[in-house]
Structure formats: C-alpha cells, structure tokens
Amino acid sequence: MHFSKTAEYTIRVLSYLHRHNKTSHSVNVLHQELDLPYKYLTKLMTELAKKGLVHASRGREGGLSLARDANSIYLCDILEAIGESPEYDRCILGFDKCDALNPCALHDQWVQPKEMIETMLTTTTLASLILNKETKL
C-alpha cells in the first residue's frame, strides 16, 4: 500500500503544524520549510480548512494551525478529508464481485493484510506519528 502524493503532503503538513503548534504558519512558511509546491499547498490547505482539520486566520498574526487536537486526528480522517477514503471492501484484483462465496485468486491471502491496514488507519493518530522526535516526516 502506498499513500498518494496528496496524502503524503497532508500528513507532512499536519505533522509540522502539530510539532510547531505554538504559532500559526503561513502557506509560504510551510512551502519553504517542507519543500512542497506552493500552489498545490495553497489548494490543499484551503481544502483542509473546509474539512475542519486546519484553522485558517487572516491578518498580521494569522496563518494556519491545527483545528483539532492531534490525538483526535486519525489517518483515516486525513484520507477522508482529501477524498481518499480507503475502500476496505474492494477486491484487490479489481473484480466487481469478490467475497467468501465468490472469491478471487487472492481473496483469502488478502483478508489479513486488509484488516491490518484498516486497523492501522483507524487507530493511528497524528500525535502518535511524531512521538519519536527522530521520525522523519
């Protein structure tokens, strides 16, 4: 499983906002600090503000900050906010009908990894990603 570039950028930005939560940050600062494309980042932050993950304020002291506590933001929330909700029931080989009664060739082998991914996405918080300060985000 791989995250999309948008998901990668979102996790990096939200992690940065959590790590540096004493102040708000402009898109320009985020762009420079995280080396992310400015226009893409602007659009992403607007979307995250609409979805309630980021608080955006205008003015001299304005900027972007987390709208919720990092302990209450799960990976599945982040994916959902950017329109990438995982499809847990989707067949790994792309068949329309794939279940215990009509399994694809990988159905039985995919059950456990799929459950592990679902558990990871629904139990991993933004705060837990950065407990180890040496973690690269």
Protein backbone atom coordinates (compact mmCIF):
# COMPACT_ATOMS: atom_id res chain seq x y z
CA MET A 1 0.00 0.00 0.00
CA HIS A 2 1.24 3.47 -0.88
CA PHE A 3 -0.19 6.84 0.01
CA SER A 4 -0.82 9.29 -2.82
CA LYS A 5 1.34 12.43 -3.05
CA THR A 6 -1.60 14.42 -1.69
CA ALA A 7 -1.83 12.11 1.34
CA GLU A 8 1.94 12.31 1.87
CA TYR A 9 1.88 16.11 1.70
CA THR A 10 -1.12 16.31 4.02
CA ILE A 11 0.47 14.09 6.66
CA ARG A 12 3.71 16.09 6.46
CA VAL A 13 1.94 19.45 6.77
CA LEU A 14 -0.31 18.36 9.63
CA SER A 15 2.67 16.83 11.44
CA TYR A 16 4.60 20.08 11.04
CA LEU A 17 1.65 22.08 12.40
CA HIS A 18 1.46 19.73 15.38
CA ARG A 19 5.20 19.91 16.08
CA HIS A 20 5.19 23.70 15.84
CA ASN A 21 1.83 24.31 17.50
CA LYS A 22 2.81 27.41 19.47
CA THR A 23 2.15 29.66 16.48
CA SER A 24 0.25 29.85 13.20
CA HIS A 25 2.14 29.39 9.94
CA SER A 26 1.64 30.91 6.50
CA VAL A 27 1.48 28.77 3.38
CA ASN A 28 4.74 30.40 2.35
CA VAL A 29 6.48 29.22 5.54
CA LEU A 30 5.07 25.71 5.09
CA HIS A 31 6.18 25.75 1.45
CA GLN A 32 9.74 26.75 2.42
CA GLU A 33 10.05 24.50 5.49
CA LEU A 34 8.60 21.38 3.88
CA ASP A 35 9.72 21.98 0.28
CA LEU A 36 6.23 21.39 -1.11
CA PRO A 37 4.81 23.01 -4.26
CA TYR A 38 3.33 26.40 -3.28
CA LYS A 39 0.21 26.39 -5.46
CA TYR A 40 -0.62 22.80 -4.61
CA LEU A 41 -0.09 23.52 -0.91
CA THR A 42 -2.38 26.56 -1.06
CA LYS A 43 -5.17 24.49 -2.57
CA LEU A 44 -4.57 21.65 -0.10
CA MET A 45 -4.68 23.93 2.95
CA THR A 46 -7.92 25.53 1.73
CA GLU A 47 -9.47 22.08 1.47
CA LEU A 48 -8.19 21.03 4.91
CA ALA A 49 -9.67 24.19 6.41
CA LYS A 50 -13.04 23.42 4.80
CA LYS A 51 -12.90 19.88 6.21
CA GLY A 52 -12.13 21.13 9.73
CA LEU A 53 -8.62 19.76 10.17
CA VAL A 54 -6.90 23.14 9.86
CA HIS A 55 -7.84 26.53 11.25
CA ALA A 56 -7.04 29.44 8.93
CA SER A 57 -6.98 33.01 10.20
CA ARG A 58 -6.26 36.22 8.34
CA GLY A 59 -4.28 39.23 9.34
CA ARG A 60 -0.85 40.07 10.61
CA GLU A 61 -0.90 37.39 13.29
CA GLY A 62 -2.90 34.98 11.12
CA GLY A 63 -1.92 31.76 9.49
CA LEU A 64 -2.63 28.06 9.66
CA SER A 65 -2.81 25.81 12.70
CA LEU A 66 -4.45 22.52 13.63
CA ALA A 67 -8.18 22.88 14.24
CA ARG A 68 -8.35 19.74 16.38
CA ASP A 69 -6.15 18.06 18.91
CA ALA A 70 -3.62 15.80 17.18
CA ASN A 71 -4.73 12.93 19.43
CA SER A 72 -8.17 13.07 17.80
CA ILE A 73 -6.98 13.11 14.18
CA TYR A 74 -6.63 9.59 12.79
CA LEU A 75 -5.01 8.60 9.49
CA CYS A 76 -8.45 7.61 8.18
CA ASP A 77 -9.70 11.16 8.98
CA ILE A 78 -6.83 12.63 6.97
CA LEU A 79 -7.53 10.38 3.99
CA GLU A 80 -11.24 11.14 4.16
CA ALA A 81 -10.57 14.90 4.27
CA ILE A 82 -8.67 14.73 0.99
CA GLY A 83 -11.22 12.45 -0.64
CA GLU A 84 -9.18 9.28 -0.46
CA SER A 85 -11.20 7.10 1.87
CA PRO A 86 -9.87 3.57 1.67
CA GLU A 87 -12.17 1.02 0.10
CA TYR A 88 -11.92 -1.83 2.57
CA ASP A 89 -14.41 -3.99 0.69
CA ARG A 90 -12.77 -3.55 -2.72
CA CYS A 91 -11.30 -6.62 -4.39
CA ILE A 92 -7.50 -6.47 -4.59
CA LEU A 93 -7.70 -7.68 -8.21
CA GLY A 94 -10.47 -5.24 -9.09
CA PHE A 95 -13.35 -7.67 -9.59
CA ASP A 96 -16.87 -6.33 -9.01
CA LYS A 97 -17.92 -9.40 -7.07
CA CYS A 98 -15.39 -10.82 -4.66
CA ASP A 99 -16.44 -12.27 -1.34
CA ALA A 100 -16.27 -15.53 0.59
CA LEU A 101 -18.87 -17.08 -1.74
CA ASN A 102 -17.28 -15.79 -4.93
CA PRO A 103 -13.55 -15.26 -4.14
CA CYS A 104 -10.84 -14.02 -6.49
CA ALA A 105 -7.48 -15.80 -6.65
CA LEU A 106 -6.03 -13.63 -3.84
CA HIS A 107 -9.14 -13.24 -1.68
CA ASP A 108 -8.05 -15.48 1.20
CA GLN A 109 -4.48 -14.13 1.22
CA TRP A 110 -5.71 -10.51 1.20
CA VAL A 111 -8.08 -10.76 4.20
CA GLN A 112 -5.45 -10.43 6.95
CA PRO A 113 -3.32 -7.66 5.35
CA LYS A 114 -6.51 -5.71 4.56
CA GLU A 115 -7.63 -5.96 8.19
CA MET A 116 -4.18 -4.84 9.39
CA ILE A 117 -4.25 -1.81 7.10
CA GLU A 118 -7.75 -0.91 8.26
CA THR A 119 -6.65 -1.19 11.90
CA MET A 120 -3.58 0.96 11.26
CA LEU A 121 -5.63 3.68 9.55
CA THR A 122 -8.34 3.75 12.21
CA THR A 123 -6.07 3.62 15.29
CA THR A 124 -3.01 5.68 14.33
CA THR A 125 -3.30 9.32 15.39
CA LEU A 126 -1.38 12.30 14.09
CA ALA A 127 0.10 12.73 17.56
CA SER A 128 1.35 9.13 17.64
CA LEU A 129 3.22 9.63 14.37
CA ILE A 130 5.54 12.11 15.97
CA LEU A 131 6.11 10.67 19.42
CA ASN A 132 9.62 9.75 18.31
CA LYS A 133 11.28 13.10 17.53
CA GLU A 134 13.74 11.38 15.20
CA THR A 135 10.96 10.16 12.94
CA LYS A 136 11.24 11.69 9.51
CA LEU A 137 8.06 13.50 8.44
